Amino acid sequence: GDKETLKEVYPAVKKYLSLWTLDNTG
């Protein structure tokens, strides 16, 4: 239930996921 840690690291999660792309099948 530690929401503060979630808040602090979420920007890093979003930034990392932005590096991943999909091919033409998805």
mmCIF file of all heavy atoms, coordinates in Angstrom:
data_MODEL
# 
_entry.id   MODEL 
# 
loop_
_atom_site.group_PDB 
_atom_site.id 
_atom_site.type_symbol 
_atom_site.label_atom_id 
_atom_site.label_alt_id 
_atom_site.label_comp_id 
_atom_site.label_asym_id 
_atom_site.label_entity_id 
_atom_site.label_seq_id 
_atom_site.pdbx_PDB_ins_code 
_atom_site.Cartn_x 
_atom_site.Cartn_y 
_atom_site.Cartn_z 
_atom_site.occupancy 
_atom_site.B_iso_or_equiv 
_atom_site.pdbx_formal_charge 
_atom_site.auth_seq_id 
_atom_site.auth_comp_id 
_atom_site.auth_asym_id 
_atom_site.auth_atom_id 
_atom_site.pdbx_PDB_model_num 
ATOM 1   N N   . GLY A 1 1  ? 0.804  -1.220 0.000   1.00 0.00 ? 1  GLY A N   1 
ATOM 2   C CA  . GLY A 1 1  ? 0.000  0.000  0.000   1.00 0.00 ? 1  GLY A CA  1 
ATOM 3   C C   . GLY A 1 1  ? 0.833  1.264  0.000   1.00 0.00 ? 1  GLY A C   1 
ATOM 4   O O   . GLY A 1 1  ? 0.323  2.359  0.271   1.00 0.00 ? 1  GLY A O   1 
ATOM 5   N N   . ASP A 1 2  ? 2.107  1.155  -0.340  1.00 0.00 ? 2  ASP A N   1 
ATOM 6   C CA  . ASP A 1 2  ? 3.042  2.290  -0.313  1.00 0.00 ? 2  ASP A CA  1 
ATOM 7   C C   . ASP A 1 2  ? 2.887  3.119  -1.589  1.00 0.00 ? 2  ASP A C   1 
ATOM 8   O O   . ASP A 1 2  ? 3.609  2.933  -2.566  1.00 0.00 ? 2  ASP A O   1 
ATOM 9   C CB  . ASP A 1 2  ? 4.472  1.768  -0.166  1.00 0.00 ? 2  ASP A CB  1 
ATOM 10  C CG  . ASP A 1 2  ? 5.517  2.875  -0.197  1.00 0.00 ? 2  ASP A CG  1 
ATOM 11  O OD1 . ASP A 1 2  ? 5.138  4.069  -0.176  1.00 0.00 ? 2  ASP A OD1 1 
ATOM 12  O OD2 . ASP A 1 2  ? 6.718  2.542  -0.251  1.00 0.00 ? 2  ASP A OD2 1 
ATOM 13  N N   . LYS A 1 3  ? 1.969  4.056  -1.546  1.00 0.00 ? 3  LYS A N   1 
ATOM 14  C CA  . LYS A 1 3  ? 1.665  4.859  -2.732  1.00 0.00 ? 3  LYS A CA  1 
ATOM 15  C C   . LYS A 1 3  ? 2.735  5.898  -3.023  1.00 0.00 ? 3  LYS A C   1 
ATOM 16  O O   . LYS A 1 3  ? 2.949  6.289  -4.178  1.00 0.00 ? 3  LYS A O   1 
ATOM 17  C CB  . LYS A 1 3  ? 0.303  5.549  -2.547  1.00 0.00 ? 3  LYS A CB  1 
ATOM 18  C CG  . LYS A 1 3  ? -0.334 6.020  -3.835  1.00 0.00 ? 3  LYS A CG  1 
ATOM 19  C CD  . LYS A 1 3  ? -1.784 6.390  -3.591  1.00 0.00 ? 3  LYS A CD  1 
ATOM 20  C CE  . LYS A 1 3  ? -2.506 6.720  -4.876  1.00 0.00 ? 3  LYS A CE  1 
ATOM 21  N NZ  . LYS A 1 3  ? -3.944 6.979  -4.637  1.00 0.00 ? 3  LYS A NZ  1 
ATOM 22  N N   . GLU A 1 4  ? 3.430  6.351  -1.979  1.00 0.00 ? 4  GLU A N   1 
ATOM 23  C CA  . GLU A 1 4  ? 4.464  7.371  -2.190  1.00 0.00 ? 4  GLU A CA  1 
ATOM 24  C C   . GLU A 1 4  ? 5.589  6.836  -3.070  1.00 0.00 ? 4  GLU A C   1 
ATOM 25  O O   . GLU A 1 4  ? 6.072  7.538  -3.962  1.00 0.00 ? 4  GLU A O   1 
ATOM 26  C CB  . GLU A 1 4  ? 5.016  7.839  -0.839  1.00 0.00 ? 4  GLU A CB  1 
ATOM 27  C CG  . GLU A 1 4  ? 4.044  8.665  -0.028  1.00 0.00 ? 4  GLU A CG  1 
ATOM 28  C CD  . GLU A 1 4  ? 3.492  9.860  -0.802  1.00 0.00 ? 4  GLU A CD  1 
ATOM 29  O OE1 . GLU A 1 4  ? 4.316  10.620 -1.350  1.00 0.00 ? 4  GLU A OE1 1 
ATOM 30  O OE2 . GLU A 1 4  ? 2.262  10.004 -0.873  1.00 0.00 ? 4  GLU A OE2 1 
ATOM 31  N N   . THR A 1 5  ? 6.011  5.607  -2.815  1.00 0.00 ? 5  THR A N   1 
ATOM 32  C CA  . THR A 1 5  ? 7.046  5.027  -3.670  1.00 0.00 ? 5  THR A CA  1 
ATOM 33  C C   . THR A 1 5  ? 6.543  4.895  -5.097  1.00 0.00 ? 5  THR A C   1 
ATOM 34  O O   . THR A 1 5  ? 7.276  5.165  -6.059  1.00 0.00 ? 5  THR A O   1 
ATOM 35  C CB  . THR A 1 5  ? 7.492  3.656  -3.120  1.00 0.00 ? 5  THR A CB  1 
ATOM 36  O OG1 . THR A 1 5  ? 8.133  3.850  -1.858  1.00 0.00 ? 5  THR A OG1 1 
ATOM 37  C CG2 . THR A 1 5  ? 8.461  2.961  -4.061  1.00 0.00 ? 5  THR A CG2 1 
ATOM 38  N N   . LEU A 1 6  ? 5.290  4.495  -5.247  1.00 0.00 ? 6  LEU A N   1 
ATOM 39  C CA  . LEU A 1 6  ? 4.695  4.381  -6.585  1.00 0.00 ? 6  LEU A CA  1 
ATOM 40  C C   . LEU A 1 6  ? 4.759  5.716  -7.327  1.00 0.00 ? 6  LEU A C   1 
ATOM 41  O O   . LEU A 1 6  ? 5.146  5.779  -8.498  1.00 0.00 ? 6  LEU A O   1 
ATOM 42  C CB  . LEU A 1 6  ? 3.249  3.911  -6.448  1.00 0.00 ? 6  LEU A CB  1 
ATOM 43  C CG  . LEU A 1 6  ? 2.650  3.122  -7.612  1.00 0.00 ? 6  LEU A CG  1 
ATOM 44  C CD1 . LEU A 1 6  ? 3.367  1.800  -7.768  1.00 0.00 ? 6  LEU A CD1 1 
ATOM 45  C CD2 . LEU A 1 6  ? 1.162  2.894  -7.368  1.00 0.00 ? 6  LEU A CD2 1 
ATOM 46  N N   . LYS A 1 7  ? 4.394  6.785  -6.638  1.00 0.00 ? 7  LYS A N   1 
ATOM 47  C CA  . LYS A 1 7  ? 4.429  8.125  -7.246  1.00 0.00 ? 7  LYS A CA  1 
ATOM 48  C C   . LYS A 1 7  ? 5.834  8.504  -7.689  1.00 0.00 ? 7  LYS A C   1 
ATOM 49  O O   . LYS A 1 7  ? 6.036  9.073  -8.765  1.00 0.00 ? 7  LYS A O   1 
ATOM 50  C CB  . LYS A 1 7  ? 3.934  9.179  -6.240  1.00 0.00 ? 7  LYS A CB  1 
ATOM 51  C CG  . LYS A 1 7  ? 2.447  9.248  -6.036  1.00 0.00 ? 7  LYS A CG  1 
ATOM 52  C CD  . LYS A 1 7  ? 2.146  10.364 -5.048  1.00 0.00 ? 7  LYS A CD  1 
ATOM 53  C CE  . LYS A 1 7  ? 0.686  10.416 -4.669  1.00 0.00 ? 7  LYS A CE  1 
ATOM 54  N NZ  . LYS A 1 7  ? 0.439  11.464 -3.641  1.00 0.00 ? 7  LYS A NZ  1 
ATOM 55  N N   . GLU A 1 8  ? 6.791  8.217  -6.844  1.00 0.00 ? 8  GLU A N   1 
ATOM 56  C CA  . GLU A 1 8  ? 8.165  8.652  -7.110  1.00 0.00 ? 8  GLU A CA  1 
ATOM 57  C C   . GLU A 1 8  ? 8.776  7.965  -8.328  1.00 0.00 ? 8  GLU A C   1 
ATOM 58  O O   . GLU A 1 8  ? 9.561  8.565  -9.062  1.00 0.00 ? 8  GLU A O   1 
ATOM 59  C CB  . GLU A 1 8  ? 9.036  8.408  -5.872  1.00 0.00 ? 8  GLU A CB  1 
ATOM 60  C CG  . GLU A 1 8  ? 8.718  9.357  -4.736  1.00 0.00 ? 8  GLU A CG  1 
ATOM 61  C CD  . GLU A 1 8  ? 9.209  8.855  -3.390  1.00 0.00 ? 8  GLU A CD  1 
ATOM 62  O OE1 . GLU A 1 8  ? 9.988  7.877  -3.374  1.00 0.00 ? 8  GLU A OE1 1 
ATOM 63  O OE2 . GLU A 1 8  ? 8.808  9.424  -2.359  1.00 0.00 ? 8  GLU A OE2 1 
ATOM 64  N N   . VAL A 1 9  ? 8.431  6.711  -8.525  1.00 0.00 ? 9  VAL A N   1 
ATOM 65  C CA  . VAL A 1 9  ? 9.096  5.962  -9.598  1.00 0.00 ? 9  VAL A CA  1 
ATOM 66  C C   . VAL A 1 9  ? 8.273  5.868  -10.873 1.00 0.00 ? 9  VAL A C   1 
ATOM 67  O O   . VAL A 1 9  ? 8.799  5.448  -11.914 1.00 0.00 ? 9  VAL A O   1 
ATOM 68  C CB  . VAL A 1 9  ? 9.471  4.542  -9.120  1.00 0.00 ? 9  VAL A CB  1 
ATOM 69  C CG1 . VAL A 1 9  ? 10.403 4.615  -7.928  1.00 0.00 ? 9  VAL A CG1 1 
ATOM 70  C CG2 . VAL A 1 9  ? 8.244  3.695  -8.803  1.00 0.00 ? 9  VAL A CG2 1 
ATOM 71  N N   . TYR A 1 10 ? 7.000  6.273  -10.819 1.00 0.00 ? 10 TYR A N   1 
ATOM 72  C CA  . TYR A 1 10 ? 6.170  6.147  -12.021 1.00 0.00 ? 10 TYR A CA  1 
ATOM 73  C C   . TYR A 1 10 ? 6.753  6.877  -13.230 1.00 0.00 ? 10 TYR A C   1 
ATOM 74  O O   . TYR A 1 10 ? 6.718  6.331  -14.353 1.00 0.00 ? 10 TYR A O   1 
ATOM 75  C CB  . TYR A 1 10 ? 4.738  6.615  -11.748 1.00 0.00 ? 10 TYR A CB  1 
ATOM 76  C CG  . TYR A 1 10 ? 3.902  6.627  -13.004 1.00 0.00 ? 10 TYR A CG  1 
ATOM 77  C CD1 . TYR A 1 10 ? 3.421  5.438  -13.539 1.00 0.00 ? 10 TYR A CD1 1 
ATOM 78  C CD2 . TYR A 1 10 ? 3.637  7.819  -13.686 1.00 0.00 ? 10 TYR A CD2 1 
ATOM 79  C CE1 . TYR A 1 10 ? 2.686  5.438  -14.716 1.00 0.00 ? 10 TYR A CE1 1 
ATOM 80  C CE2 . TYR A 1 10 ? 2.908  7.819  -14.859 1.00 0.00 ? 10 TYR A CE2 1 
ATOM 81  C CZ  . TYR A 1 10 ? 2.435  6.633  -15.377 1.00 0.00 ? 10 TYR A CZ  1 
ATOM 82  O OH  . TYR A 1 10 ? 1.719  6.633  -16.550 1.00 0.00 ? 10 TYR A OH  1 
ATOM 83  N N   . PRO A 1 11 ? 7.299  8.092  -13.087 1.00 0.00 ? 11 PRO A N   1 
ATOM 84  C CA  . PRO A 1 11 ? 7.879  8.750  -14.276 1.00 0.00 ? 11 PRO A CA  1 
ATOM 85  C C   . PRO A 1 11 ? 8.956  7.917  -14.958 1.00 0.00 ? 11 PRO A C   1 
ATOM 86  O O   . PRO A 1 11 ? 9.068  7.914  -16.188 1.00 0.00 ? 11 PRO A O   1 
ATOM 87  C CB  . PRO A 1 11 ? 8.459  10.048 -13.706 1.00 0.00 ? 11 PRO A CB  1 
ATOM 88  C CG  . PRO A 1 11 ? 7.632  10.330 -12.506 1.00 0.00 ? 11 PRO A CG  1 
ATOM 89  C CD  . PRO A 1 11 ? 7.331  8.984  -11.914 1.00 0.00 ? 11 PRO A CD  1 
ATOM 90  N N   . ALA A 1 12 ? 9.753  7.187  -14.182 1.00 0.00 ? 12 ALA A N   1 
ATOM 91  C CA  . ALA A 1 12 ? 10.784 6.330  -14.774 1.00 0.00 ? 12 ALA A CA  1 
ATOM 92  C C   . ALA A 1 12 ? 10.151 5.170  -15.523 1.00 0.00 ? 12 ALA A C   1 
ATOM 93  O O   . ALA A 1 12 ? 10.653 4.743  -16.576 1.00 0.00 ? 12 ALA A O   1 
ATOM 94  C CB  . ALA A 1 12 ? 11.725 5.816  -13.682 1.00 0.00 ? 12 ALA A CB  1 
ATOM 95  N N   . VAL A 1 13 ? 9.052  4.633  -14.992 1.00 0.00 ? 13 VAL A N   1 
ATOM 96  C CA  . VAL A 1 13 ? 8.332  3.548  -15.665 1.00 0.00 ? 13 VAL A CA  1 
ATOM 97  C C   . VAL A 1 13 ? 7.811  4.024  -17.012 1.00 0.00 ? 13 VAL A C   1 
ATOM 98  O O   . VAL A 1 13 ? 7.997  3.368  -18.052 1.00 0.00 ? 13 VAL A O   1 
ATOM 99  C CB  . VAL A 1 13 ? 7.166  3.047  -14.783 1.00 0.00 ? 13 VAL A CB  1 
ATOM 100 C CG1 . VAL A 1 13 ? 6.312  2.042  -15.536 1.00 0.00 ? 13 VAL A CG1 1 
ATOM 101 C CG2 . VAL A 1 13 ? 7.687  2.435  -13.489 1.00 0.00 ? 13 VAL A CG2 1 
ATOM 102 N N   . LYS A 1 14 ? 7.170  5.173  -17.008 1.00 0.00 ? 14 LYS A N   1 
ATOM 103 C CA  . LYS A 1 14 ? 6.595  5.719  -18.248 1.00 0.00 ? 14 LYS A CA  1 
ATOM 104 C C   . LYS A 1 14 ? 7.692  5.990  -19.273 1.00 0.00 ? 14 LYS A C   1 
ATOM 105 O O   . LYS A 1 14 ? 7.536  5.682  -20.468 1.00 0.00 ? 14 LYS A O   1 
ATOM 106 C CB  . LYS A 1 14 ? 5.830  7.002  -17.928 1.00 0.00 ? 14 LYS A CB  1 
ATOM 107 C CG  . LYS A 1 14 ? 5.153  7.626  -19.143 1.00 0.00 ? 14 LYS A CG  1 
ATOM 108 C CD  . LYS A 1 14 ? 4.329  8.848  -18.748 1.00 0.00 ? 14 LYS A CD  1 
ATOM 109 C CE  . LYS A 1 14 ? 3.650  9.444  -19.977 1.00 0.00 ? 14 LYS A CE  1 
ATOM 110 N NZ  . LYS A 1 14 ? 2.823  10.624 -19.617 1.00 0.00 ? 14 LYS A NZ  1 
ATOM 111 N N   . LYS A 1 15 ? 8.789  6.538  -18.827 1.00 0.00 ? 15 LYS A N   1 
ATOM 112 C CA  . LYS A 1 15 ? 9.885  6.875  -19.736 1.00 0.00 ? 15 LYS A CA  1 
ATOM 113 C C   . LYS A 1 15 ? 10.483 5.615  -20.358 1.00 0.00 ? 15 LYS A C   1 
ATOM 114 O O   . LYS A 1 15 ? 10.795 5.587  -21.559 1.00 0.00 ? 15 LYS A O   1 
ATOM 115 C CB  . LYS A 1 15 ? 10.952 7.653  -18.971 1.00 0.00 ? 15 LYS A CB  1 
ATOM 116 C CG  . LYS A 1 15 ? 12.071 8.217  -19.828 1.00 0.00 ? 15 LYS A CG  1 
ATOM 117 C CD  . LYS A 1 15 ? 13.011 9.054  -18.973 1.00 0.00 ? 15 LYS A CD  1 
ATOM 118 C CE  . LYS A 1 15 ? 14.136 9.657  -19.814 1.00 0.00 ? 15 LYS A CE  1 
ATOM 119 N NZ  . LYS A 1 15 ? 15.068 10.462 -18.987 1.00 0.00 ? 15 LYS A NZ  1 
ATOM 120 N N   . TYR A 1 16 ? 10.647 4.573  -19.556 1.00 0.00 ? 16 TYR A N   1 
ATOM 121 C CA  . TYR A 1 16 ? 11.220 3.343  -20.091 1.00 0.00 ? 16 TYR A CA  1 
ATOM 122 C C   . TYR A 1 16 ? 10.276 2.684  -21.091 1.00 0.00 ? 16 TYR A C   1 
ATOM 123 O O   . TYR A 1 16 ? 10.703 2.231  -22.166 1.00 0.00 ? 16 TYR A O   1 
ATOM 124 C CB  . TYR A 1 16 ? 11.553 2.373  -18.959 1.00 0.00 ? 16 TYR A CB  1 
ATOM 125 C CG  . TYR A 1 16 ? 12.181 1.094  -19.460 1.00 0.00 ? 16 TYR A CG  1 
ATOM 126 C CD1 . TYR A 1 16 ? 13.417 1.116  -20.107 1.00 0.00 ? 16 TYR A CD1 1 
ATOM 127 C CD2 . TYR A 1 16 ? 11.536 -0.133 -19.316 1.00 0.00 ? 16 TYR A CD2 1 
ATOM 128 C CE1 . TYR A 1 16 ? 13.996 -0.052 -20.589 1.00 0.00 ? 16 TYR A CE1 1 
ATOM 129 C CE2 . TYR A 1 16 ? 12.109 -1.303 -19.792 1.00 0.00 ? 16 TYR A CE2 1 
ATOM 130 C CZ  . TYR A 1 16 ? 13.336 -1.254 -20.430 1.00 0.00 ? 16 TYR A CZ  1 
ATOM 131 O OH  . TYR A 1 16 ? 13.900 -2.408 -20.920 1.00 0.00 ? 16 TYR A OH  1 
ATOM 132 N N   . LEU A 1 17 ? 8.996  2.630  -20.771 1.00 0.00 ? 17 LEU A N   1 
ATOM 133 C CA  . LEU A 1 17 ? 8.051  1.992  -21.677 1.00 0.00 ? 17 LEU A CA  1 
ATOM 134 C C   . LEU A 1 17 ? 7.954  2.730  -23.014 1.00 0.00 ? 17 LEU A C   1 
ATOM 135 O O   . LEU A 1 17 ? 7.629  2.120  -24.041 1.00 0.00 ? 17 LEU A O   1 
ATOM 136 C CB  . LEU A 1 17 ? 6.671  1.899  -21.022 1.00 0.00 ? 17 LEU A CB  1 
ATOM 137 C CG  . LEU A 1 17 ? 6.532  0.800  -19.967 1.00 0.00 ? 17 LEU A CG  1 
ATOM 138 C CD1 . LEU A 1 17 ? 5.175  0.892  -19.276 1.00 0.00 ? 17 LEU A CD1 1 
ATOM 139 C CD2 . LEU A 1 17 ? 6.711  -0.582 -20.588 1.00 0.00 ? 17 LEU A CD2 1 
ATOM 140 N N   . SER A 1 18 ? 8.252  4.030  -23.006 1.00 0.00 ? 18 SER A N   1 
ATOM 141 C CA  . SER A 1 18 ? 8.195  4.799  -24.259 1.00 0.00 ? 18 SER A CA  1 
ATOM 142 C C   . SER A 1 18 ? 9.258  4.338  -25.253 1.00 0.00 ? 18 SER A C   1 
ATOM 143 O O   . SER A 1 18 ? 9.168  4.655  -26.449 1.00 0.00 ? 18 SER A O   1 
ATOM 144 C CB  . SER A 1 18 ? 8.364  6.294  -23.972 1.00 0.00 ? 18 SER A CB  1 
ATOM 145 O OG  . SER A 1 18 ? 9.705  6.597  -23.599 1.00 0.00 ? 18 SER A OG  1 
ATOM 146 N N   . LEU A 1 19 ? 10.267 3.601  -24.790 1.00 0.00 ? 19 LEU A N   1 
ATOM 147 C CA  . LEU A 1 19 ? 11.319 3.109  -25.679 1.00 0.00 ? 19 LEU A CA  1 
ATOM 148 C C   . LEU A 1 19 ? 10.877 1.884  -26.474 1.00 0.00 ? 19 LEU A C   1 
ATOM 149 O O   . LEU A 1 19 ? 11.511 1.536  -27.477 1.00 0.00 ? 19 LEU A O   1 
ATOM 150 C CB  . LEU A 1 19 ? 12.572 2.736  -24.867 1.00 0.00 ? 19 LEU A CB  1 
ATOM 151 C CG  . LEU A 1 19 ? 13.197 3.829  -23.996 1.00 0.00 ? 19 LEU A CG  1 
ATOM 152 C CD1 . LEU A 1 19 ? 14.420 3.274  -23.274 1.00 0.00 ? 19 LEU A CD1 1 
ATOM 153 C CD2 . LEU A 1 19 ? 13.571 5.042  -24.822 1.00 0.00 ? 19 LEU A CD2 1 
ATOM 154 N N   . TRP A 1 20 ? 9.825  1.235  -26.033 1.00 0.00 ? 20 TRP A N   1 
ATOM 155 C CA  . TRP A 1 20 ? 9.389  -0.008 -26.670 1.00 0.00 ? 20 TRP A CA  1 
ATOM 156 C C   . TRP A 1 20 ? 8.384  0.279  -27.783 1.00 0.00 ? 20 TRP A C   1 
ATOM 157 O O   . TRP A 1 20 ? 7.447  1.056  -27.601 1.00 0.00 ? 20 TRP A O   1 
ATOM 158 C CB  . TRP A 1 20 ? 8.778  -0.944 -25.625 1.00 0.00 ? 20 TRP A CB  1 
ATOM 159 C CG  . TRP A 1 20 ? 9.821  -1.512 -24.716 1.00 0.00 ? 20 TRP A CG  1 
ATOM 160 C CD1 . TRP A 1 20 ? 10.369 -0.926 -23.623 1.00 0.00 ? 20 TRP A CD1 1 
ATOM 161 C CD2 . TRP A 1 20 ? 10.472 -2.772 -24.864 1.00 0.00 ? 20 TRP A CD2 1 
ATOM 162 N NE1 . TRP A 1 20 ? 11.319 -1.736 -23.058 1.00 0.00 ? 20 TRP A NE1 1 
ATOM 163 C CE2 . TRP A 1 20 ? 11.415 -2.883 -23.801 1.00 0.00 ? 20 TRP A CE2 1 
ATOM 164 C CE3 . TRP A 1 20 ? 10.372 -3.828 -25.774 1.00 0.00 ? 20 TRP A CE3 1 
ATOM 165 C CZ2 . TRP A 1 20 ? 12.226 -4.010 -23.639 1.00 0.00 ? 20 TRP A CZ2 1 
ATOM 166 C CZ3 . TRP A 1 20 ? 11.176 -4.947 -25.610 1.00 0.00 ? 20 TRP A CZ3 1 
ATOM 167 C CH2 . TRP A 1 20 ? 12.088 -5.022 -24.559 1.00 0.00 ? 20 TRP A CH2 1 
ATOM 168 N N   . THR A 1 21 ? 8.597  -0.345 -28.920 1.00 0.00 ? 21 THR A N   1 
ATOM 169 C CA  . THR A 1 21 ? 7.739  -0.143 -30.097 1.00 0.00 ? 21 THR A CA  1 
ATOM 170 C C   . THR A 1 21 ? 7.152  -1.484 -30.534 1.00 0.00 ? 21 THR A C   1 
ATOM 171 O O   . THR A 1 21 ? 7.551  -2.549 -30.049 1.00 0.00 ? 21 THR A O   1 
ATOM 172 C CB  . THR A 1 21 ? 8.540  0.480  -31.249 1.00 0.00 ? 21 THR A CB  1 
ATOM 173 O OG1 . THR A 1 21 ? 9.671  -0.359 -31.544 1.00 0.00 ? 21 THR A OG1 1 
ATOM 174 C CG2 . THR A 1 21 ? 9.041  1.873  -30.871 1.00 0.00 ? 21 THR A CG2 1 
ATOM 175 N N   . LEU A 1 22 ? 6.201  -1.424 -31.478 1.00 0.00 ? 22 LEU A N   1 
ATOM 176 C CA  . LEU A 1 22 ? 5.518  -2.615 -31.964 1.00 0.00 ? 22 LEU A CA  1 
ATOM 177 C C   . LEU A 1 22 ? 5.761  -2.790 -33.456 1.00 0.00 ? 22 LEU A C   1 
ATOM 178 O O   . LEU A 1 22 ? 5.997  -1.811 -34.185 1.00 0.00 ? 22 LEU A O   1 
ATOM 179 C CB  . LEU A 1 22 ? 4.009  -2.511 -31.705 1.00 0.00 ? 22 LEU A CB  1 
ATOM 180 C CG  . LEU A 1 22 ? 3.558  -2.122 -30.290 1.00 0.00 ? 22 LEU A CG  1 
ATOM 181 C CD1 . LEU A 1 22 ? 2.034  -2.099 -30.215 1.00 0.00 ? 22 LEU A CD1 1 
ATOM 182 C CD2 . LEU A 1 22 ? 4.128  -3.070 -29.250 1.00 0.00 ? 22 LEU A CD2 1 
ATOM 183 N N   . ASP A 1 23 ? 5.699  -4.047 -33.924 1.00 0.00 ? 23 ASP A N   1 
ATOM 184 C CA  . ASP A 1 23 ? 5.827  -4.282 -35.367 1.00 0.00 ? 23 ASP A CA  1 
ATOM 185 C C   . ASP A 1 23 ? 4.462  -4.172 -36.028 1.00 0.00 ? 23 ASP A C   1 
ATOM 186 O O   . ASP A 1 23 ? 3.462  -3.832 -35.373 1.00 0.00 ? 23 ASP A O   1 
ATOM 187 C CB  . ASP A 1 23 ? 6.509  -5.627 -35.640 1.00 0.00 ? 23 ASP A CB  1 
ATOM 188 C CG  . ASP A 1 23 ? 5.680  -6.831 -35.187 1.00 0.00 ? 23 ASP A CG  1 
ATOM 189 O OD1 . ASP A 1 23 ? 4.461  -6.684 -34.965 1.00 0.00 ? 23 ASP A OD1 1 
ATOM 190 O OD2 . ASP A 1 23 ? 6.255  -7.933 -35.069 1.00 0.00 ? 23 ASP A OD2 1 
ATOM 191 N N   . ASN A 1 24 ? 4.382  -4.503 -37.316 1.00 0.00 ? 24 ASN A N   1 
ATOM 192 C CA  . ASN A 1 24 ? 3.123  -4.284 -38.040 1.00 0.00 ? 24 ASN A CA  1 
ATOM 193 C C   . ASN A 1 24 ? 2.022  -5.267 -37.652 1.00 0.00 ? 24 ASN A C   1 
ATOM 194 O O   . ASN A 1 24 ? 0.868  -5.093 -38.046 1.00 0.00 ? 24 ASN A O   1 
ATOM 195 C CB  . ASN A 1 24 ? 3.366  -4.326 -39.556 1.00 0.00 ? 24 ASN A CB  1 
ATOM 196 C CG  . ASN A 1 24 ? 3.988  -5.641 -40.009 1.00 0.00 ? 24 ASN A CG  1 
ATOM 197 O OD1 . ASN A 1 24 ? 4.105  -6.571 -39.225 1.00 0.00 ? 24 ASN A OD1 1 
ATOM 198 N ND2 . ASN A 1 24 ? 4.390  -5.697 -41.269 1.00 0.00 ? 24 ASN A ND2 1 
ATOM 199 N N   . THR A 1 25 ? 2.349  -6.318 -36.872 1.00 0.00 ? 25 THR A N   1 
ATOM 200 C CA  . THR A 1 25 ? 1.312  -7.219 -36.373 1.00 0.00 ? 25 THR A CA  1 
ATOM 201 C C   . THR A 1 25 ? 0.802  -6.790 -35.006 1.00 0.00 ? 25 THR A C   1 
ATOM 202 O O   . THR A 1 25 ? -0.165 -7.351 -34.496 1.00 0.00 ? 25 THR A O   1 
ATOM 203 C CB  . THR A 1 25 ? 1.853  -8.665 -36.252 1.00 0.00 ? 25 THR A CB  1 
ATOM 204 O OG1 . THR A 1 25 ? 2.787  -8.732 -35.161 1.00 0.00 ? 25 THR A OG1 1 
ATOM 205 C CG2 . THR A 1 25 ? 2.525  -9.107 -37.543 1.00 0.00 ? 25 THR A CG2 1 
ATOM 206 N N   . GLY A 1 26 ? 1.498  -5.826 -34.396 1.00 0.00 ? 26 GLY A N   1 
ATOM 207 C CA  . GLY A 1 26 ? 1.168  -5.401 -33.040 1.00 0.00 ? 26 GLY A CA  1 
ATOM 208 C C   . GLY A 1 26 ? 2.092  -5.997 -32.004 1.00 0.00 ? 26 GLY A C   1 
ATOM 209 O O   . GLY A 1 26 ? 2.078  -5.587 -30.843 1.00 0.00 ? 26 GLY A O   1 
# 
